[in-house]
Amino acid sequence: MKKFKFEYTGIYKALVASHKSEKTYIDECKSQLSKIQESAQNVRSAIRMAANEVDKIEELKRRVEDETKKVSDRKEESEDKQA
């Protein structure tokens, strides 16, 4: 019976240590998952902001082209009046 108790105690201690380690790893996994989700949200926000900036750039390009055309048209009108 002494041998059985000795082996049982050893196995029980190993089980408790294993359970404790598993709990620690699970907590660490949850923490890492939370960080990953936060980073993914930041990436989505950055992509959304970049897309908005592209739209703004395109709009500003169109406005510059329109204004350049207006200036060109007025310049031609002015030259036609002088001629």
PDB file of N, CA and C in Angstrom:
ATOM      1  N   MET A   1       0.823  -1.200   0.000  1.00  0.00           N
ATOM      2  CA  MET A   1       0.000   0.000   0.000  1.00  0.00           C
ATOM      3  C   MET A   1       0.864   1.260   0.000  1.00  0.00           C
ATOM      4  N   LYS A   2       2.003   1.195   0.635  1.00  0.00           N
ATOM      5  CA  LYS A   2       2.900   2.339   0.709  1.00  0.00           C
ATOM      6  C   LYS A   2       3.395   2.715  -0.700  1.00  0.00           C
ATOM      7  N   LYS A   3       3.734   1.693  -1.482  1.00  0.00           N
ATOM      8  CA  LYS A   3       4.217   1.924  -2.841  1.00  0.00           C
ATOM      9  C   LYS A   3       3.111   2.590  -3.681  1.00  0.00           C
ATOM     10  N   PHE A   4       1.876   2.119  -3.543  1.00  0.00           N
ATOM     11  CA  PHE A   4       0.749   2.689  -4.281  1.00  0.00           C
ATOM     12  C   PHE A   4       0.540   4.156  -3.907  1.00  0.00           C
ATOM     13  N   LYS A   5       0.587   4.459  -2.605  1.00  0.00           N
ATOM     14  CA  LYS A   5       0.410   5.827  -2.134  1.00  0.00           C
ATOM     15  C   LYS A   5       1.515   6.721  -2.675  1.00  0.00           C
ATOM     16  N   PHE A   6       2.747   6.232  -2.704  1.00  0.00           N
ATOM     17  CA  PHE A   6       3.879   6.990  -3.215  1.00  0.00           C
ATOM     18  C   PHE A   6       3.682   7.313  -4.698  1.00  0.00           C
ATOM     19  N   GLU A   7       3.300   6.299  -5.473  1.00  0.00           N
ATOM     20  CA  GLU A   7       3.075   6.496  -6.907  1.00  0.00           C
ATOM     21  C   GLU A   7       1.881   7.428  -7.148  1.00  0.00           C
ATOM     22  N   TYR A   8       0.812   7.230  -6.378  1.00  0.00           N
ATOM     23  CA  TYR A   8      -0.378   8.057  -6.515  1.00  0.00           C
ATOM     24  C   TYR A   8      -0.050   9.509  -6.220  1.00  0.00           C
ATOM     25  N   THR A   9       0.699   9.745  -5.153  1.00  0.00           N
ATOM     26  CA  THR A   9       1.088  11.103  -4.769  1.00  0.00           C
ATOM     27  C   THR A   9       1.913  11.756  -5.875  1.00  0.00           C
ATOM     28  N   GLY A  10       2.835  11.011  -6.440  1.00  0.00           N
ATOM     29  CA  GLY A  10       3.662  11.542  -7.529  1.00  0.00           C
ATOM     30  C   GLY A  10       2.824  11.890  -8.746  1.00  0.00           C
ATOM     31  N   ILE A  11       1.914  10.989  -9.098  1.00  0.00           N
ATOM     32  CA  ILE A  11       1.046  11.231 -10.255  1.00  0.00           C
ATOM     33  C   ILE A  11       0.121  12.415  -9.976  1.00  0.00           C
ATOM     34  N   TYR A  12      -0.409  12.499  -8.764  1.00  0.00           N
ATOM     35  CA  TYR A  12      -1.303  13.599  -8.400  1.00  0.00           C
ATOM     36  C   TYR A  12      -0.581  14.946  -8.487  1.00  0.00           C
ATOM     37  N   LYS A  13       0.649  14.991  -7.983  1.00  0.00           N
ATOM     38  CA  LYS A  13       1.429  16.237  -8.047  1.00  0.00           C
ATOM     39  C   LYS A  13       1.707  16.628  -9.498  1.00  0.00           C
ATOM     40  N   ALA A  14       1.998  15.638 -10.323  1.00  0.00           N
ATOM     41  CA  ALA A  14       2.239  15.913 -11.743  1.00  0.00           C
ATOM     42  C   ALA A  14       0.965  16.445 -12.400  1.00  0.00           C
ATOM     43  N   LEU A  15      -0.179  15.854 -12.049  1.00  0.00           N
ATOM     44  CA  LEU A  15      -1.455  16.306 -12.591  1.00  0.00           C
ATOM     45  C   LEU A  15      -1.750  17.740 -12.170  1.00  0.00           C
ATOM     46  N   VAL A  16      -1.548  18.054 -10.914  1.00  0.00           N
ATOM     47  CA  VAL A  16      -1.793  19.411 -10.413  1.00  0.00           C
ATOM     48  C   VAL A  16      -0.868  20.404 -11.121  1.00  0.00           C
ATOM     49  N   ALA A  17       0.403  20.057 -11.260  1.00  0.00           N
ATOM     50  CA  ALA A  17       1.352  20.936 -11.946  1.00  0.00           C
ATOM     51  C   ALA A  17       0.956  21.120 -13.412  1.00  0.00           C
ATOM     52  N   SER A  18       0.533  20.035 -14.039  1.00  0.00           N
ATOM     53  CA  SER A  18       0.113  20.099 -15.426  1.00  0.00           C
ATOM     54  C   SER A  18      -1.121  20.995 -15.572  1.00  0.00           C
ATOM     55  N   HIS A  19      -2.064  20.855 -14.672  1.00  0.00           N
ATOM     56  CA  HIS A  19      -3.276  21.663 -14.702  1.00  0.00           C
ATOM     57  C   HIS A  19      -2.939  23.146 -14.522  1.00  0.00           C
ATOM     58  N   LYS A  20      -2.036  23.424 -13.608  1.00  0.00           N
ATOM     59  CA  LYS A  20      -1.625  24.810 -13.364  1.00  0.00           C
ATOM     60  C   LYS A  20      -0.953  25.396 -14.607  1.00  0.00           C
ATOM     61  N   SER A  21      -0.087  24.619 -15.225  1.00  0.00           N
ATOM     62  CA  SER A  21       0.589  25.086 -16.444  1.00  0.00           C
ATOM     63  C   SER A  21      -0.421  25.308 -17.571  1.00  0.00           C
ATOM     64  N   GLU A  22      -1.362  24.386 -17.695  1.00  0.00           N
ATOM     65  CA  GLU A  22      -2.384  24.517 -18.729  1.00  0.00           C
ATOM     66  C   GLU A  22      -3.193  25.785 -18.514  1.00  0.00           C
ATOM     67  N   LYS A  23      -3.563  26.077 -17.286  1.00  0.00           N
ATOM     68  CA  LYS A  23      -4.322  27.295 -16.967  1.00  0.00           C
ATOM     69  C   LYS A  23      -3.505  28.528 -17.322  1.00  0.00           C
ATOM     70  N   THR A  24      -2.217  28.502 -17.015  1.00  0.00           N
ATOM     71  CA  THR A  24      -1.338  29.620 -17.358  1.00  0.00           C
ATOM     72  C   THR A  24      -1.273  29.811 -18.866  1.00  0.00           C
ATOM     73  N   TYR A  25      -1.124  28.720 -19.616  1.00  0.00           N
ATOM     74  CA  TYR A  25      -1.066  28.801 -21.071  1.00  0.00           C
ATOM     75  C   TYR A  25      -2.375  29.303 -21.663  1.00  0.00           C
ATOM     76  N   ILE A  26      -3.486  28.853 -21.108  1.00  0.00           N
ATOM     77  CA  ILE A  26      -4.795  29.305 -21.593  1.00  0.00           C
ATOM     78  C   ILE A  26      -4.952  30.799 -21.357  1.00  0.00           C
ATOM     79  N   ASP A  27      -4.544  31.270 -20.181  1.00  0.00           N
ATOM     80  CA  ASP A  27      -4.620  32.704 -19.886  1.00  0.00           C
ATOM     81  C   ASP A  27      -3.736  33.500 -20.843  1.00  0.00           C
ATOM     82  N   GLU A  28      -2.550  32.984 -21.124  1.00  0.00           N
ATOM     83  CA  GLU A  28      -1.637  33.641 -22.055  1.00  0.00           C
ATOM     84  C   GLU A  28      -2.228  33.655 -23.471  1.00  0.00           C
ATOM     85  N   CYS A  29      -2.863  32.560 -23.874  1.00  0.00           N
ATOM     86  CA  CYS A  29      -3.510  32.495 -25.192  1.00  0.00           C
ATOM     87  C   CYS A  29      -4.631  33.529 -25.290  1.00  0.00           C
ATOM     88  N   LYS A  30      -5.418  33.660 -24.238  1.00  0.00           N
ATOM     89  CA  LYS A  30      -6.492  34.652 -24.229  1.00  0.00           C
ATOM     90  C   LYS A  30      -5.924  36.060 -24.354  1.00  0.00           C
ATOM     91  N   SER A  31      -4.835  36.299 -23.652  1.00  0.00           N
ATOM     92  CA  SER A  31      -4.184  37.608 -23.719  1.00  0.00           C
ATOM     93  C   SER A  31      -3.669  37.886 -25.132  1.00  0.00           C
ATOM     94  N   GLN A  32      -3.030  36.896 -25.741  1.00  0.00           N
ATOM     95  CA  GLN A  32      -2.508  37.058 -27.096  1.00  0.00           C
ATOM     96  C   GLN A  32      -3.652  37.254 -28.093  1.00  0.00           C
ATOM     97  N   LEU A  33      -4.729  36.520 -27.916  1.00  0.00           N
ATOM     98  CA  LEU A  33      -5.888  36.669 -28.797  1.00  0.00           C
ATOM     99  C   LEU A  33      -6.446  38.087 -28.696  1.00  0.00           C
ATOM    100  N   SER A  34      -6.519  38.599 -27.498  1.00  0.00           N
ATOM    101  CA  SER A  34      -7.000  39.963 -27.302  1.00  0.00           C
ATOM    102  C   SER A  34      -6.096  40.965 -28.023  1.00  0.00           C
ATOM    103  N   LYS A  35      -4.794  40.773 -27.932  1.00  0.00           N
ATOM    104  CA  LYS A  35      -3.851  41.665 -28.618  1.00  0.00           C
ATOM    105  C   LYS A  35      -4.003  41.558 -30.130  1.00  0.00           C
ATOM    106  N   ILE A  36      -4.200  40.343 -30.623  1.00  0.00           N
ATOM    107  CA  ILE A  36      -4.378  40.136 -32.063  1.00  0.00           C
ATOM    108  C   ILE A  36      -5.645  40.832 -32.545  1.00  0.00           C
ATOM    109  N   GLN A  37      -6.721  40.697 -31.789  1.00  0.00           N
ATOM    110  CA  GLN A  37      -7.973  41.331 -32.173  1.00  0.00           C
ATOM    111  C   GLN A  37      -7.846  42.855 -32.170  1.00  0.00           C
ATOM    112  N   GLU A  38      -7.149  43.373 -31.182  1.00  0.00           N
ATOM    113  CA  GLU A  38      -6.926  44.824 -31.110  1.00  0.00           C
ATOM    114  C   GLU A  38      -6.105  45.296 -32.309  1.00  0.00           C
ATOM    115  N   SER A  39      -5.066  44.545 -32.637  1.00  0.00           N
ATOM    116  CA  SER A  39      -4.230  44.897 -33.787  1.00  0.00           C
ATOM    117  C   SER A  39      -5.029  44.816 -35.082  1.00  0.00           C
ATOM    118  N   ALA A  40      -5.860  43.801 -35.209  1.00  0.00           N
ATOM    119  CA  ALA A  40      -6.689  43.658 -36.411  1.00  0.00           C
ATOM    120  C   ALA A  40      -7.639  44.843 -36.549  1.00  0.00           C
ATOM    121  N   GLN A  41      -8.191  45.298 -35.447  1.00  0.00           N
ATOM    122  CA  GLN A  41      -9.077  46.466 -35.473  1.00  0.00           C
ATOM    123  C   GLN A  41      -8.296  47.700 -35.905  1.00  0.00           C
ATOM    124  N   ASN A  42      -7.074  47.843 -35.410  1.00  0.00           N
ATOM    125  CA  ASN A  42      -6.238  48.980 -35.801  1.00  0.00           C
ATOM    126  C   ASN A  42      -5.917  48.928 -37.294  1.00  0.00           C
ATOM    127  N   VAL A  43      -5.664  47.745 -37.814  1.00  0.00           N
ATOM    128  CA  VAL A  43      -5.380  47.594 -39.241  1.00  0.00           C
ATOM    129  C   VAL A  43      -6.612  47.965 -40.062  1.00  0.00           C
ATOM    130  N   ARG A  44      -7.778  47.493 -39.636  1.00  0.00           N
ATOM    131  CA  ARG A  44      -9.012  47.836 -40.352  1.00  0.00           C
ATOM    132  C   ARG A  44      -9.229  49.348 -40.356  1.00  0.00           C
ATOM    133  N   SER A  45      -8.968  49.991 -39.234  1.00  0.00           N
ATOM    134  CA  SER A  45      -9.113  51.448 -39.159  1.00  0.00           C
ATOM    135  C   SER A  45      -8.126  52.140 -40.089  1.00  0.00           C
ATOM    136  N   ALA A  46      -6.896  51.659 -40.112  1.00  0.00           N
ATOM    137  CA  ALA A  46      -5.883  52.256 -40.989  1.00  0.00           C
ATOM    138  C   ALA A  46      -6.264  52.090 -42.458  1.00  0.00           C
ATOM    139  N   ILE A  47      -6.785  50.930 -42.819  1.00  0.00           N
ATOM    140  CA  ILE A  47      -7.207  50.688 -44.205  1.00  0.00           C
ATOM    141  C   ILE A  47      -8.365  51.619 -44.566  1.00  0.00           C
ATOM    142  N   ARG A  48      -9.306  51.765 -43.650  1.00  0.00           N
ATOM    143  CA  ARG A  48     -10.452  52.644 -43.889  1.00  0.00           C
ATOM    144  C   ARG A  48      -9.983  54.094 -44.061  1.00  0.00           C
ATOM    145  N   MET A  49      -9.053  54.518 -43.210  1.00  0.00           N
ATOM    146  CA  MET A  49      -8.531  55.883 -43.307  1.00  0.00           C
ATOM    147  C   MET A  49      -7.771  56.077 -44.613  1.00  0.00           C
ATOM    148  N   ALA A  50      -6.992  55.085 -45.013  1.00  0.00           N
ATOM    149  CA  ALA A  50      -6.240  55.182 -46.268  1.00  0.00           C
ATOM    150  C   ALA A  50      -7.189  55.285 -47.459  1.00  0.00           C
ATOM    151  N   ALA A  51      -8.260  54.526 -47.428  1.00  0.00           N
ATOM    152  CA  ALA A  51      -9.242  54.583 -48.514  1.00  0.00           C
ATOM    153  C   ALA A  51      -9.877  55.967 -48.582  1.00  0.00           C
ATOM    154  N   ASN A  52     -10.168  56.538 -47.426  1.00  0.00           N
ATOM    155  CA  ASN A  52     -10.740  57.884 -47.395  1.00  0.00           C
ATOM    156  C   ASN A  52      -9.752  58.903 -47.959  1.00  0.00           C
ATOM    157  N   GLU A  53      -8.492  58.739 -47.642  1.00  0.00           N
ATOM    158  CA  GLU A  53      -7.468  59.655 -48.148  1.00  0.00           C
ATOM    159  C   GLU A  53      -7.350  59.550 -49.663  1.00  0.00           C
ATOM    160  N   VAL A  54      -7.443  58.344 -50.196  1.00  0.00           N
ATOM    161  CA  VAL A  54      -7.387  58.155 -51.651  1.00  0.00           C
ATOM    162  C   VAL A  54      -8.558  58.889 -52.299  1.00  0.00           C
ATOM    163  N   ASP A  55      -9.737  58.769 -51.711  1.00  0.00           N
ATOM    164  CA  ASP A  55     -10.912  59.463 -52.242  1.00  0.00           C
ATOM    165  C   ASP A  55     -10.703  60.980 -52.214  1.00  0.00           C
ATOM    166  N   LYS A  56     -10.139  61.487 -51.118  1.00  0.00           N
ATOM    167  CA  LYS A  56      -9.880  62.926 -51.015  1.00  0.00           C
ATOM    168  C   LYS A  56      -8.869  63.370 -52.063  1.00  0.00           C
ATOM    169  N   ILE A  57      -7.841  62.579 -52.272  1.00  0.00           N
ATOM    170  CA  ILE A  57      -6.812  62.913 -53.266  1.00  0.00           C
ATOM    171  C   ILE A  57      -7.432  62.966 -54.652  1.00  0.00           C
ATOM    172  N   GLU A  58      -8.265  61.983 -54.982  1.00  0.00           N
ATOM    173  CA  GLU A  58      -8.921  61.971 -56.292  1.00  0.00           C
ATOM    174  C   GLU A  58      -9.812  63.198 -56.466  1.00  0.00           C
ATOM    175  N   GLU A  59     -10.549  63.538 -55.435  1.00  0.00           N
ATOM    176  CA  GLU A  59     -11.415  64.716 -55.501  1.00  0.00           C
ATOM    177  C   GLU A  59     -10.590  65.984 -55.707  1.00  0.00           C
ATOM    178  N   LEU A  60      -9.495  66.112 -54.983  1.00  0.00           N
ATOM    179  CA  LEU A  60      -8.638  67.290 -55.140  1.00  0.00           C
ATOM    180  C   LEU A  60      -8.009  67.341 -56.531  1.00  0.00           C
ATOM    181  N   LYS A  61      -7.635  66.196 -57.089  1.00  0.00           N
ATOM    182  CA  LYS A  61      -7.100  66.157 -58.451  1.00  0.00           C
ATOM    183  C   LYS A  61      -8.145  66.658 -59.443  1.00  0.00           C
ATOM    184  N   ARG A  62      -9.400  66.208 -59.269  1.00  0.00           N
ATOM    185  CA  ARG A  62     -10.469  66.653 -60.161  1.00  0.00           C
ATOM    186  C   ARG A  62     -10.662  68.166 -60.050  1.00  0.00           C
ATOM    187  N   ARG A  63     -10.616  68.659 -58.830  1.00  0.00           N
ATOM    188  CA  ARG A  63     -10.796  70.104 -58.643  1.00  0.00           C
ATOM    189  C   ARG A  63      -9.656  70.890 -59.283  1.00  0.00           C
ATOM    190  N   VAL A  64      -8.427  70.402 -59.153  1.00  0.00           N
ATOM    191  CA  VAL A  64      -7.283  71.066 -59.779  1.00  0.00           C
ATOM    192  C   VAL A  64      -7.428  71.054 -61.296  1.00  0.00           C
ATOM    193  N   GLU A  65      -7.835  69.921 -61.848  1.00  0.00           N
ATOM    194  CA  GLU A  65      -8.038  69.837 -63.299  1.00  0.00           C
ATOM    195  C   GLU A  65      -9.119  70.810 -63.760  1.00  0.00           C
ATOM    196  N   ASP A  66     -10.218  70.883 -63.000  1.00  0.00           N
ATOM    197  CA  ASP A  66     -11.294  71.816 -63.356  1.00  0.00           C
ATOM    198  C   ASP A  66     -10.800  73.259 -63.319  1.00  0.00           C
ATOM    199  N   GLU A  67     -10.087  73.607 -62.273  1.00  0.00           N
ATOM    200  CA  GLU A  67      -9.581  74.972 -62.153  1.00  0.00           C
ATOM    201  C   GLU A  67      -8.547  75.278 -63.226  1.00  0.00           C
ATOM    202  N   THR A  68      -7.713  74.295 -63.553  1.00  0.00           N
ATOM    203  CA  THR A  68      -6.723  74.487 -64.611  1.00  0.00           C
ATOM    204  C   THR A  68      -7.418  74.727 -65.943  1.00  0.00           C
ATOM    205  N   LYS A  69      -8.479  73.982 -66.190  1.00  0.00           N
ATOM    206  CA  LYS A  69      -9.249  74.161 -67.436  1.00  0.00           C
ATOM    207  C   LYS A  69      -9.885  75.545 -67.465  1.00  0.00           C
ATOM    208  N   LYS A  70     -10.430  75.986 -66.339  1.00  0.00           N
ATOM    209  CA  LYS A  70     -11.041  77.316 -66.281  1.00  0.00           C
ATOM    210  C   LYS A  70     -10.010  78.398 -66.585  1.00  0.00           C
ATOM    211  N   VAL A  71      -8.815  78.258 -65.981  1.00  0.00           N
ATOM    212  CA  VAL A  71      -7.759  79.231 -66.215  1.00  0.00           C
ATOM    213  C   VAL A  71      -7.359  79.222 -67.681  1.00  0.00           C
ATOM    214  N   SER A  72      -7.224  78.045 -68.242  1.00  0.00           N
ATOM    215  CA  SER A  72      -6.852  77.913 -69.645  1.00  0.00           C
ATOM    216  C   SER A  72      -7.913  78.541 -70.548  1.00  0.00           C
ATOM    217  N   ASP A  73      -9.183  78.286 -70.249  1.00  0.00           N
ATOM    218  CA  ASP A  73     -10.279  78.850 -71.038  1.00  0.00           C
ATOM    219  C   ASP A  73     -10.274  80.374 -70.962  1.00  0.00           C
ATOM    220  N   ARG A  74     -10.067  80.905 -69.776  1.00  0.00           N
ATOM    221  CA  ARG A  74     -10.050  82.364 -69.612  1.00  0.00           C
ATOM    222  C   ARG A  74      -8.848  82.983 -70.317  1.00  0.00           C
ATOM    223  N   LYS A  75      -7.736  82.272 -70.268  1.00  0.00           N
ATOM    224  CA  LYS A  75      -6.537  82.752 -70.954  1.00  0.00           C
ATOM    225  C   LYS A  75      -6.791  82.812 -72.460  1.00  0.00           C
ATOM    226  N   GLU A  76      -7.431  81.769 -73.007  1.00  0.00           N
ATOM    227  CA  GLU A  76      -7.762  81.761 -74.428  1.00  0.00           C
ATOM    228  C   GLU A  76      -8.740  82.885 -74.773  1.00  0.00           C
ATOM    229  N   GLU A  77      -9.746  83.113 -73.922  1.00  0.00           N
ATOM    230  CA  GLU A  77     -10.700  84.188 -74.145  1.00  0.00           C
ATOM    231  C   GLU A  77      -9.992  85.534 -74.157  1.00  0.00           C
ATOM    232  N   SER A  78      -9.078  85.685 -73.228  1.00  0.00           N
ATOM    233  CA  SER A  78      -8.319  86.940 -73.145  1.00  0.00           C
ATOM    234  C   SER A  78      -7.468  87.137 -74.390  1.00  0.00           C
ATOM    235  N   GLU A  79      -6.840  86.081 -74.880  1.00  0.00           N
ATOM    236  CA  GLU A  79      -6.011  86.168 -76.079  1.00  0.00           C
ATOM    237  C   GLU A  79      -6.865  86.444 -77.305  1.00  0.00           C
ATOM    238  N   ASP A  80      -8.067  85.842 -77.352  1.00  0.00           N
ATOM    239  CA  ASP A  80      -8.967  86.083 -78.477  1.00  0.00           C
ATOM    240  C   ASP A  80      -9.449  87.541 -78.505  1.00  0.00           C
ATOM    241  N   LYS A  81      -9.689  88.112 -77.337  1.00  0.00           N
ATOM    242  CA  LYS A  81     -10.139  89.498 -77.242  1.00  0.00           C
ATOM    243  C   LYS A  81      -9.030  90.454 -77.667  1.00  0.00           C
ATOM    244  N   GLN A  82      -7.777  90.087 -77.359  1.00  0.00           N
ATOM    245  CA  GLN A  82      -6.652  90.951 -77.707  1.00  0.00           C
ATOM    246  C   GLN A  82      -6.323  90.851 -79.182  1.00  0.00           C
ATOM    247  N   ALA A  83      -6.679  89.783 -79.809  1.00  0.00           N
ATOM    248  CA  ALA A  83      -6.343  89.595 -81.224  1.00  0.00           C
ATOM    249  C   ALA A  83      -7.312  90.215 -82.156  1.00  0.00           C
TER     250      ALA A  83
END
